[in-house]
Amino acid sequence: MIHGSEDSLIAPRHSDALKAVAPRAGLLRIAGAGHNDLQDFDAYRSGFADALSRL
């Protein structure tokens, strides 16, 4: 999962709850990102590339 820390559409607590019930799932919280601007952050691009490389 990749979630922006400033997401006002889906609160970050929801990804925390998903992580709690699926502990093997990864969670990358992008500091300062909202819901629709994740792709503007370097941390998103590198995290997404890392996830793809593990498939």
Protein backbone atom coordinates (compact mmCIF):
# COMPACT_ATOMS: atom_id res chain seq x y z
CA MET A 1 0.00 0.00 0.00
CA ILE A 2 1.10 3.54 -0.69
CA HIS A 3 -0.75 6.28 1.15
CA GLY A 4 -0.28 10.02 1.47
CA SER A 5 0.02 11.37 4.99
CA GLU A 6 -2.23 14.30 4.07
CA ASP A 7 -4.91 12.29 2.24
CA SER A 8 -8.23 14.01 2.95
CA LEU A 9 -10.34 11.56 0.91
CA ILE A 10 -9.22 8.32 2.61
CA ALA A 11 -7.78 8.96 6.04
CA PRO A 12 -4.36 7.41 6.71
CA ARG A 13 -5.87 5.49 9.64
CA HIS A 14 -7.58 3.26 7.07
CA SER A 15 -4.26 2.04 5.66
CA ASP A 16 -3.05 1.57 9.24
CA ALA A 17 -6.09 -0.65 9.89
CA LEU A 18 -5.44 -2.67 6.73
CA LYS A 19 -1.81 -3.10 7.74
CA ALA A 20 -2.92 -4.34 11.16
CA VAL A 21 -4.97 -7.18 9.65
CA ALA A 22 -2.45 -7.94 6.89
CA PRO A 23 0.94 -7.54 8.58
CA ARG A 24 2.84 -8.96 5.60
CA ALA A 25 1.51 -6.18 3.38
CA GLY A 26 3.86 -3.28 2.92
CA LEU A 27 2.81 0.24 3.76
CA LEU A 28 4.66 3.24 2.42
CA ARG A 29 3.39 6.50 3.90
CA ILE A 30 4.36 9.46 1.72
CA ALA A 31 4.93 12.50 3.94
CA GLY A 32 3.11 15.56 2.68
CA ALA A 33 1.20 13.75 -0.09
CA GLY A 34 -2.55 13.89 -0.47
CA HIS A 35 -4.82 11.54 -2.39
CA ASN A 36 -4.22 12.57 -5.99
CA ASP A 37 -0.68 13.92 -5.94
CA LEU A 38 1.35 10.88 -4.88
CA GLN A 39 3.07 10.66 -8.26
CA ASP A 40 4.60 14.10 -7.64
CA PHE A 41 6.80 12.73 -4.83
CA ASP A 42 10.15 11.00 -5.34
CA ALA A 43 9.35 8.62 -2.47
CA TYR A 44 6.30 7.39 -4.39
CA ARG A 45 8.23 6.74 -7.57
CA SER A 46 11.03 4.89 -5.81
CA GLY A 47 8.61 2.94 -3.59
CA PHE A 48 6.50 1.93 -6.58
CA ALA A 49 9.58 0.85 -8.55
CA ASP A 50 10.78 -1.16 -5.55
CA ALA A 51 7.42 -2.92 -5.24
CA LEU A 52 7.40 -3.77 -8.94
CA SER A 53 10.92 -5.17 -8.75
CA ARG A 54 9.76 -7.67 -6.11
CA LEU A 55 7.02 -9.17 -8.29
